[in-house]
């Protein structure tokens, strides 16, 4: 069981994406960004070469049409997505390169202006690195996940992505840090109330968190049920499909 939990955390721990536009500066995401994002989540129906090509085309589009902070943030978003893509295809060394790039860009942005999505990309990139870098990285950087999520929530209290990130400590960290009871309460609030703005990735990640929480408590059938609910959002998500195949 411990081996499976560790395996799943590689895919699901803090696996969040961002869709909202809240900041002092207005950030406009091109339509091609959302296509790239959704293709990453449906990675089982794509190849890493296809996702790399989409990344290259999107970066070229951003360079040709955007400037300043908006350009930097969009590139950071794309770096994060490509990093997640490499993780799905078990190319962790390449994933780290792109998570590190996203972190550096967001840290640079936040030195001059507070932007919700910069906090979210920063927190999520750190969380991904915590799963694939040495444990010492997680010990030194892990607390920054929740702290950056709190900064995003301070600006936009209704941000579902930020609350998913904030809640990840309750569900995905080992005992005694985890708090499954509180984590499940927050997940249910995310899914069943109108308190937060929830986009497709937010719903998928909340459902996956709920499934993982049940799995970590040895409640196999409940976990399978909620992972299948997550597949209703992204039917070709490679992590969920591999998990369900593993425990048959």
C-alpha atoms as a PDB file:
ATOM      1  CA  UNK A   1       0.000   0.000   0.000  1.00  0.00           C
ATOM      2  CA  UNK A   2       2.766   2.452   0.872  1.00  0.00           C
ATOM      3  CA  UNK A   3       4.362   1.852  -2.508  1.00  0.00           C
ATOM      4  CA  UNK A   4       1.131   2.666  -4.314  1.00  0.00           C
ATOM      5  CA  UNK A   5       0.550   5.848  -2.348  1.00  0.00           C
ATOM      6  CA  UNK A   6       4.050   7.021  -3.218  1.00  0.00           C
ATOM      7  CA  UNK A   7       3.472   6.149  -6.883  1.00  0.00           C
ATOM      8  CA  UNK A   8       0.202   8.040  -7.076  1.00  0.00           C
ATOM      9  CA  UNK A   9       1.567  11.101  -5.344  1.00  0.00           C
ATOM     10  CA  UNK A  10       3.990  11.499  -8.242  1.00  0.00           C
ATOM     11  CA  UNK A  11       0.998  12.311 -10.391  1.00  0.00           C
ATOM     12  CA  UNK A  12      -1.533  13.891  -8.093  1.00  0.00           C
ATOM     13  CA  UNK A  13       0.248  15.767  -5.347  1.00  0.00           C
ATOM     14  CA  UNK A  14      -0.650  19.394  -5.808  1.00  0.00           C
ATOM     15  CA  UNK A  15      -1.444  18.804  -9.467  1.00  0.00           C
ATOM     16  CA  UNK A  16      -3.229  21.996 -10.150  1.00  0.00           C
ATOM     17  CA  UNK A  17      -3.642  24.286 -13.186  1.00  0.00           C
ATOM     18  CA  UNK A  18      -4.861  27.875 -13.373  1.00  0.00           C
ATOM     19  CA  UNK A  19      -7.587  29.422 -15.442  1.00  0.00           C
ATOM     20  CA  UNK A  20      -8.591  32.602 -13.639  1.00  0.00           C
ATOM     21  CA  UNK A  21      -7.515  36.096 -14.545  1.00  0.00           C
ATOM     22  CA  UNK A  22      -7.140  38.131 -11.354  1.00  0.00           C
ATOM     23  CA  UNK A  23      -4.374  40.676 -10.895  1.00  0.00           C
ATOM     24  CA  UNK A  24      -3.374  44.282 -11.025  1.00  0.00           C
ATOM     25  CA  UNK A  25      -2.523  43.608 -14.658  1.00  0.00           C
ATOM     26  CA  UNK A  26      -5.027  41.939 -16.960  1.00  0.00           C
ATOM     27  CA  UNK A  27      -3.699  38.647 -18.325  1.00  0.00           C
ATOM     28  CA  UNK A  28      -5.358  37.318 -21.482  1.00  0.00           C
ATOM     29  CA  UNK A  29      -4.719  33.643 -22.162  1.00  0.00           C
ATOM     30  CA  UNK A  30      -4.850  32.713 -25.874  1.00  0.00           C
ATOM     31  CA  UNK A  31      -7.263  29.976 -26.908  1.00  0.00           C
ATOM     32  CA  UNK A  32      -4.324  27.767 -27.893  1.00  0.00           C
ATOM     33  CA  UNK A  33      -3.197  27.791 -24.266  1.00  0.00           C
ATOM     34  CA  UNK A  34      -6.400  26.072 -23.131  1.00  0.00           C
ATOM     35  CA  UNK A  35      -6.056  23.491 -25.913  1.00  0.00           C
ATOM     36  CA  UNK A  36      -2.493  22.771 -24.758  1.00  0.00           C
ATOM     37  CA  UNK A  37      -3.605  22.537 -21.135  1.00  0.00           C
ATOM     38  CA  UNK A  38      -6.438  20.111 -21.865  1.00  0.00           C
ATOM     39  CA  UNK A  39      -4.257  17.966 -24.119  1.00  0.00           C
ATOM     40  CA  UNK A  40      -1.786  17.643 -21.255  1.00  0.00           C
ATOM     41  CA  UNK A  41      -4.540  16.457 -18.935  1.00  0.00           C
ATOM     42  CA  UNK A  42      -5.692  14.002 -21.619  1.00  0.00           C
ATOM     43  CA  UNK A  43      -2.111  12.852 -22.098  1.00  0.00           C
ATOM     44  CA  UNK A  44      -3.002   9.205 -22.744  1.00  0.00           C
ATOM     45  CA  UNK A  45      -4.361  10.223 -26.151  1.00  0.00           C
ATOM     46  CA  UNK A  46      -1.259  12.262 -27.046  1.00  0.00           C
ATOM     47  CA  UNK A  47       2.481  11.730 -27.374  1.00  0.00           C
ATOM     48  CA  UNK A  48       5.153  13.812 -25.705  1.00  0.00           C
ATOM     49  CA  UNK A  49       6.324  14.854 -29.166  1.00  0.00           C
ATOM     50  CA  UNK A  50       2.871  16.264 -29.935  1.00  0.00           C
ATOM     51  CA  UNK A  51       2.832  18.191 -26.662  1.00  0.00           C
ATOM     52  CA  UNK A  52       6.336  19.541 -27.273  1.00  0.00           C
ATOM     53  CA  UNK A  53       5.231  20.792 -30.675  1.00  0.00           C
ATOM     54  CA  UNK A  54       2.172  22.490 -29.166  1.00  0.00           C
ATOM     55  CA  UNK A  55       4.442  24.128 -26.588  1.00  0.00           C
ATOM     56  CA  UNK A  56       6.826  25.430 -29.260  1.00  0.00           C
ATOM     57  CA  UNK A  57       3.969  26.846 -31.330  1.00  0.00           C
ATOM     58  CA  UNK A  58       2.357  28.474 -28.308  1.00  0.00           C
ATOM     59  CA  UNK A  59       5.619  30.061 -27.144  1.00  0.00           C
ATOM     60  CA  UNK A  60       6.116  31.480 -30.630  1.00  0.00           C
ATOM     61  CA  UNK A  61       2.569  32.891 -30.573  1.00  0.00           C
ATOM     62  CA  UNK A  62       3.164  34.475 -27.163  1.00  0.00           C
ATOM     63  CA  UNK A  63       6.480  35.987 -28.244  1.00  0.00           C
ATOM     64  CA  UNK A  64       4.816  37.476 -31.325  1.00  0.00           C
ATOM     65  CA  UNK A  65       1.741  38.906 -29.609  1.00  0.00           C
ATOM     66  CA  UNK A  66       2.536  39.608 -25.944  1.00  0.00           C
ATOM     67  CA  UNK A  67       4.999  41.715 -23.988  1.00  0.00           C
ATOM     68  CA  UNK A  68       6.060  42.602 -20.467  1.00  0.00           C
ATOM     69  CA  UNK A  69       4.557  40.880 -17.440  1.00  0.00           C
ATOM     70  CA  UNK A  70       1.786  39.265 -19.463  1.00  0.00           C
ATOM     71  CA  UNK A  71       4.334  37.600 -21.735  1.00  0.00           C
ATOM     72  CA  UNK A  72       6.419  36.361 -18.802  1.00  0.00           C
ATOM     73  CA  UNK A  73       3.403  34.913 -16.997  1.00  0.00           C
ATOM     74  CA  UNK A  74       2.085  33.128 -20.082  1.00  0.00           C
ATOM     75  CA  UNK A  75       5.488  31.601 -20.749  1.00  0.00           C
ATOM     76  CA  UNK A  76       5.660  30.463 -17.115  1.00  0.00           C
ATOM     77  CA  UNK A  77       2.226  28.848 -17.522  1.00  0.00           C
ATOM     78  CA  UNK A  78       3.398  26.983 -20.616  1.00  0.00           C
ATOM     79  CA  UNK A  79       6.624  25.905 -18.912  1.00  0.00           C
ATOM     80  CA  UNK A  80       4.573  24.462 -16.073  1.00  0.00           C
ATOM     81  CA  UNK A  81       2.289  22.552 -18.446  1.00  0.00           C
ATOM     82  CA  UNK A  82       5.202  21.112 -20.388  1.00  0.00           C
ATOM     83  CA  UNK A  83       6.800  20.101 -17.098  1.00  0.00           C
ATOM     84  CA  UNK A  84       3.619  18.263 -16.157  1.00  0.00           C
ATOM     85  CA  UNK A  85       3.620  16.640 -19.585  1.00  0.00           C
ATOM     86  CA  UNK A  86       7.134  15.306 -19.041  1.00  0.00           C
ATOM     87  CA  UNK A  87       6.071  13.944 -15.660  1.00  0.00           C
ATOM     88  CA  UNK A  88       3.159  12.070 -17.176  1.00  0.00           C
ATOM     89  CA  UNK A  89       5.616  10.472 -19.590  1.00  0.00           C
ATOM     90  CA  UNK A  90       8.073   9.742 -16.751  1.00  0.00           C
ATOM     91  CA  UNK A  91      10.774  12.115 -18.007  1.00  0.00           C
ATOM     92  CA  UNK A  92      11.455  13.729 -14.653  1.00  0.00           C
ATOM     93  CA  UNK A  93      14.792  15.324 -15.481  1.00  0.00           C
ATOM     94  CA  UNK A  94      13.189  17.319 -18.283  1.00  0.00           C
ATOM     95  CA  UNK A  95      10.204  18.101 -16.062  1.00  0.00           C
ATOM     96  CA  UNK A  96      12.457  19.662 -13.425  1.00  0.00           C
ATOM     97  CA  UNK A  97      14.019  21.961 -16.028  1.00  0.00           C
ATOM     98  CA  UNK A  98      10.634  23.432 -16.936  1.00  0.00           C
ATOM     99  CA  UNK A  99       9.331  23.645 -13.374  1.00  0.00           C
ATOM    100  CA  UNK A 100      12.488  25.517 -12.434  1.00  0.00           C
ATOM    101  CA  UNK A 101      11.991  27.884 -15.374  1.00  0.00           C
ATOM    102  CA  UNK A 102       8.407  28.573 -14.288  1.00  0.00           C
ATOM    103  CA  UNK A 103       9.517  29.216 -10.702  1.00  0.00           C
ATOM    104  CA  UNK A 104      12.204  31.671 -11.787  1.00  0.00           C
ATOM    105  CA  UNK A 105       9.814  33.615 -14.019  1.00  0.00           C
ATOM    106  CA  UNK A 106       7.130  33.844 -11.335  1.00  0.00           C
ATOM    107  CA  UNK A 107       9.590  34.932  -8.672  1.00  0.00           C
ATOM    108  CA  UNK A 108      10.776  37.673 -10.998  1.00  0.00           C
ATOM    109  CA  UNK A 109       7.192  38.819 -11.682  1.00  0.00           C
ATOM    110  CA  UNK A 110       6.273  38.874  -7.997  1.00  0.00           C
ATOM    111  CA  UNK A 111       9.196  41.132  -7.144  1.00  0.00           C
ATOM    112  CA  UNK A 112       7.406  43.985  -8.881  1.00  0.00           C
ATOM    113  CA  UNK A 113       3.688  43.135  -8.813  1.00  0.00           C
ATOM    114  CA  UNK A 114       1.295  40.745  -7.068  1.00  0.00           C
ATOM    115  CA  UNK A 115      -0.570  38.580  -9.560  1.00  0.00           C
ATOM    116  CA  UNK A 116      -2.776  35.690  -8.461  1.00  0.00           C
ATOM    117  CA  UNK A 117      -1.738  33.358 -11.260  1.00  0.00           C
ATOM    118  CA  UNK A 118       1.955  34.006 -10.582  1.00  0.00           C
ATOM    119  CA  UNK A 119       1.454  32.815  -6.996  1.00  0.00           C
ATOM    120  CA  UNK A 120      -0.405  29.737  -8.265  1.00  0.00           C
ATOM    121  CA  UNK A 121       2.153  28.775 -10.901  1.00  0.00           C
ATOM    122  CA  UNK A 122       4.928  29.289  -8.366  1.00  0.00           C
ATOM    123  CA  UNK A 123       3.223  27.153  -5.709  1.00  0.00           C
ATOM    124  CA  UNK A 124       2.311  24.367  -8.113  1.00  0.00           C
ATOM    125  CA  UNK A 125       5.742  24.229  -9.732  1.00  0.00           C
ATOM    126  CA  UNK A 126       7.332  23.933  -6.293  1.00  0.00           C
ATOM    127  CA  UNK A 127       4.894  21.168  -5.397  1.00  0.00           C
ATOM    128  CA  UNK A 128       5.734  19.215  -8.516  1.00  0.00           C
ATOM    129  CA  UNK A 129       9.436  19.547  -7.800  1.00  0.00           C
ATOM    130  CA  UNK A 130       8.829  18.306  -4.252  1.00  0.00           C
ATOM    131  CA  UNK A 131       7.705  14.987  -5.737  1.00  0.00           C
ATOM    132  CA  UNK A 132      10.677  14.447  -8.049  1.00  0.00           C
ATOM    133  CA  UNK A 133      13.617  16.302  -6.518  1.00  0.00           C
ATOM    134  CA  UNK A 134      15.546  14.969  -3.485  1.00  0.00           C
ATOM    135  CA  UNK A 135      13.661  14.945  -0.181  1.00  0.00           C
ATOM    136  CA  UNK A 136      15.809  17.831   1.046  1.00  0.00           C
ATOM    137  CA  UNK A 137      14.083  20.044  -1.524  1.00  0.00           C
ATOM    138  CA  UNK A 138      10.683  19.182  -0.110  1.00  0.00           C
ATOM    139  CA  UNK A 139      11.825  19.903   3.436  1.00  0.00           C
ATOM    140  CA  UNK A 140      13.182  23.319   2.484  1.00  0.00           C
ATOM    141  CA  UNK A 141      10.540  24.382  -0.066  1.00  0.00           C
ATOM    142  CA  UNK A 142       7.351  22.506   0.794  1.00  0.00           C
ATOM    143  CA  UNK A 143       5.956  25.155   3.132  1.00  0.00           C
ATOM    144  CA  UNK A 144       5.976  27.649   0.265  1.00  0.00           C
ATOM    145  CA  UNK A 145       3.120  25.800  -1.441  1.00  0.00           C
ATOM    146  CA  UNK A 146       0.516  26.731   1.150  1.00  0.00           C
ATOM    147  CA  UNK A 147       2.020  30.160   1.831  1.00  0.00           C
ATOM    148  CA  UNK A 148       1.777  31.161  -1.834  1.00  0.00           C
ATOM    149  CA  UNK A 149      -1.745  29.745  -2.061  1.00  0.00           C
ATOM    150  CA  UNK A 150      -2.715  31.901   0.940  1.00  0.00           C
ATOM    151  CA  UNK A 151      -1.299  34.982  -0.788  1.00  0.00           C
ATOM    152  CA  UNK A 152      -3.416  34.196  -3.860  1.00  0.00           C
ATOM    153  CA  UNK A 153      -6.522  33.716  -1.703  1.00  0.00           C
ATOM    154  CA  UNK A 154      -5.906  37.021   0.018  1.00  0.00           C
ATOM    155  CA  UNK A 155      -6.213  38.739  -3.369  1.00  0.00           C
ATOM    156  CA  UNK A 156      -9.013  36.513  -4.672  1.00  0.00           C
ATOM    157  CA  UNK A 157     -10.848  34.607  -1.900  1.00  0.00           C
ATOM    158  CA  UNK A 158     -13.080  32.803  -4.428  1.00  0.00           C
ATOM    159  CA  UNK A 159     -10.219  31.260  -6.402  1.00  0.00           C
ATOM    160  CA  UNK A 160     -10.803  27.504  -6.601  1.00  0.00           C
ATOM    161  CA  UNK A 161      -7.304  26.763  -7.859  1.00  0.00           C
ATOM    162  CA  UNK A 162      -5.772  28.517  -4.864  1.00  0.00           C
ATOM    163  CA  UNK A 163      -7.994  26.634  -2.407  1.00  0.00           C
ATOM    164  CA  UNK A 164      -7.119  23.315  -4.059  1.00  0.00           C
ATOM    165  CA  UNK A 165      -3.456  24.161  -3.564  1.00  0.00           C
ATOM    166  CA  UNK A 166      -4.013  25.302   0.010  1.00  0.00           C
ATOM    167  CA  UNK A 167      -5.847  22.058   0.763  1.00  0.00           C
ATOM    168  CA  UNK A 168      -3.209  19.818  -0.793  1.00  0.00           C
ATOM    169  CA  UNK A 169      -1.229  19.780   2.466  1.00  0.00           C
ATOM    170  CA  UNK A 170      -4.193  18.160   4.211  1.00  0.00           C
ATOM    171  CA  UNK A 171      -4.451  15.331   1.704  1.00  0.00           C
ATOM    172  CA  UNK A 172      -1.115  14.632   0.047  1.00  0.00           C
ATOM    173  CA  UNK A 173       1.463  15.087   2.777  1.00  0.00           C
ATOM    174  CA  UNK A 174       2.419  12.168   5.044  1.00  0.00           C
ATOM    175  CA  UNK A 175       1.173  11.708   8.587  1.00  0.00           C
ATOM    176  CA  UNK A 176       1.130  13.532  10.972  1.00  0.00           C
ATOM    177  CA  UNK A 177       1.054  16.638   8.741  1.00  0.00           C
ATOM    178  CA  UNK A 178      -1.959  15.491   6.728  1.00  0.00           C
ATOM    179  CA  UNK A 179      -5.481  16.140   7.957  1.00  0.00           C
ATOM    180  CA  UNK A 180      -7.880  13.971   5.977  1.00  0.00           C
ATOM    181  CA  UNK A 181     -10.979  15.155   7.821  1.00  0.00           C
ATOM    182  CA  UNK A 182     -10.351  18.820   7.114  1.00  0.00           C
ATOM    183  CA  UNK A 183      -9.117  18.013   3.628  1.00  0.00           C
ATOM    184  CA  UNK A 184     -12.307  16.166   2.737  1.00  0.00           C
ATOM    185  CA  UNK A 185     -14.453  18.980   4.148  1.00  0.00           C
ATOM    186  CA  UNK A 186     -12.685  21.501   1.929  1.00  0.00           C
ATOM    187  CA  UNK A 187     -12.948  19.232  -1.132  1.00  0.00           C
ATOM    188  CA  UNK A 188     -16.687  18.831  -0.579  1.00  0.00           C
ATOM    189  CA  UNK A 189     -17.029  22.595  -0.254  1.00  0.00           C
ATOM    190  CA  UNK A 190     -15.134  23.059  -3.510  1.00  0.00           C
ATOM    191  CA  UNK A 191     -17.334  20.559  -5.333  1.00  0.00           C
ATOM    192  CA  UNK A 192     -20.730  21.210  -3.787  1.00  0.00           C
ATOM    193  CA  UNK A 193     -20.956  24.915  -3.023  1.00  0.00           C
ATOM    194  CA  UNK A 194     -20.812  28.127  -5.007  1.00  0.00           C
ATOM    195  CA  UNK A 195     -18.162  29.608  -2.750  1.00  0.00           C
ATOM    196  CA  UNK A 196     -15.323  29.153  -5.258  1.00  0.00           C
ATOM    197  CA  UNK A 197     -14.866  29.711  -8.974  1.00  0.00           C
ATOM    198  CA  UNK A 198     -14.162  26.283 -10.423  1.00  0.00           C
ATOM    199  CA  UNK A 199     -12.915  25.532 -13.935  1.00  0.00           C
ATOM    200  CA  UNK A 200     -12.361  22.090 -15.502  1.00  0.00           C
ATOM    201  CA  UNK A 201      -8.907  21.470 -13.992  1.00  0.00           C
ATOM    202  CA  UNK A 202     -10.120  22.635 -10.573  1.00  0.00           C
ATOM    203  CA  UNK A 203     -12.981  20.130 -10.612  1.00  0.00           C
ATOM    204  CA  UNK A 204     -10.713  17.354 -11.881  1.00  0.00           C
ATOM    205  CA  UNK A 205      -8.126  18.042  -9.192  1.00  0.00           C
ATOM    206  CA  UNK A 206     -10.716  18.230  -6.419  1.00  0.00           C
ATOM    207  CA  UNK A 207     -12.193  14.892  -7.514  1.00  0.00           C
ATOM    208  CA  UNK A 208      -8.711  13.362  -7.733  1.00  0.00           C
ATOM    209  CA  UNK A 209      -7.860  14.690  -4.277  1.00  0.00           C
ATOM    210  CA  UNK A 210     -10.989  13.113  -2.851  1.00  0.00           C
ATOM    211  CA  UNK A 211     -10.151   9.806  -4.526  1.00  0.00           C
ATOM    212  CA  UNK A 212      -6.576   9.941  -3.249  1.00  0.00           C
ATOM    213  CA  UNK A 213      -7.764  10.720   0.261  1.00  0.00           C
ATOM    214  CA  UNK A 214      -9.919   7.585   0.284  1.00  0.00           C
ATOM    215  CA  UNK A 215      -7.078   5.529  -1.191  1.00  0.00           C
ATOM    216  CA  UNK A 216      -4.619   6.725   1.471  1.00  0.00           C
ATOM    217  CA  UNK A 217      -7.104   5.478   4.088  1.00  0.00           C
ATOM    218  CA  UNK A 218      -7.347   2.014   2.456  1.00  0.00           C
ATOM    219  CA  UNK A 219     -10.861   2.664   1.150  1.00  0.00           C
ATOM    220  CA  UNK A 220     -10.322   1.143  -2.268  1.00  0.00           C
ATOM    221  CA  UNK A 221     -13.865   1.088  -3.629  1.00  0.00           C
ATOM    222  CA  UNK A 222     -14.550   4.699  -2.684  1.00  0.00           C
ATOM    223  CA  UNK A 223     -11.242   5.712  -4.261  1.00  0.00           C
ATOM    224  CA  UNK A 224     -12.076   3.955  -7.536  1.00  0.00           C
ATOM    225  CA  UNK A 225     -15.503   5.608  -7.613  1.00  0.00           C
ATOM    226  CA  UNK A 226     -14.075   9.115  -7.306  1.00  0.00           C
ATOM    227  CA  UNK A 227     -11.233   8.532  -9.753  1.00  0.00           C
ATOM    228  CA  UNK A 228     -13.831   7.430 -12.276  1.00  0.00           C
ATOM    229  CA  UNK A 229     -15.700  10.675 -11.583  1.00  0.00           C
ATOM    230  CA  UNK A 230     -12.473  12.537 -12.347  1.00  0.00           C
ATOM    231  CA  UNK A 231     -12.277  10.695 -15.679  1.00  0.00           C
ATOM    232  CA  UNK A 232     -15.605  12.247 -16.609  1.00  0.00           C
ATOM    233  CA  UNK A 233     -13.701  15.554 -16.790  1.00  0.00           C
ATOM    234  CA  UNK A 234     -10.560  14.267 -18.552  1.00  0.00           C
ATOM    235  CA  UNK A 235     -11.288  10.736 -19.876  1.00  0.00           C
ATOM    236  CA  UNK A 236      -7.735  10.133 -21.100  1.00  0.00           C
ATOM    237  CA  UNK A 237      -5.761  11.212 -18.060  1.00  0.00           C
ATOM    238  CA  UNK A 238      -2.822   8.842 -17.964  1.00  0.00           C
ATOM    239  CA  UNK A 239      -2.325   8.967 -14.181  1.00  0.00           C
ATOM    240  CA  UNK A 240      -5.885   7.966 -13.341  1.00  0.00           C
ATOM    241  CA  UNK A 241      -5.985   5.290 -16.021  1.00  0.00           C
ATOM    242  CA  UNK A 242      -2.720   3.751 -14.809  1.00  0.00           C
ATOM    243  CA  UNK A 243      -3.937   3.800 -11.221  1.00  0.00           C
ATOM    244  CA  UNK A 244      -7.206   2.063 -12.053  1.00  0.00           C
ATOM    245  CA  UNK A 245      -5.330  -0.555 -14.081  1.00  0.00           C
ATOM    246  CA  UNK A 246      -2.898  -1.148 -11.219  1.00  0.00           C
ATOM    247  CA  UNK A 247      -5.499  -1.948  -8.590  1.00  0.00           C
ATOM    248  CA  UNK A 248      -7.797  -4.161 -10.657  1.00  0.00           C
END
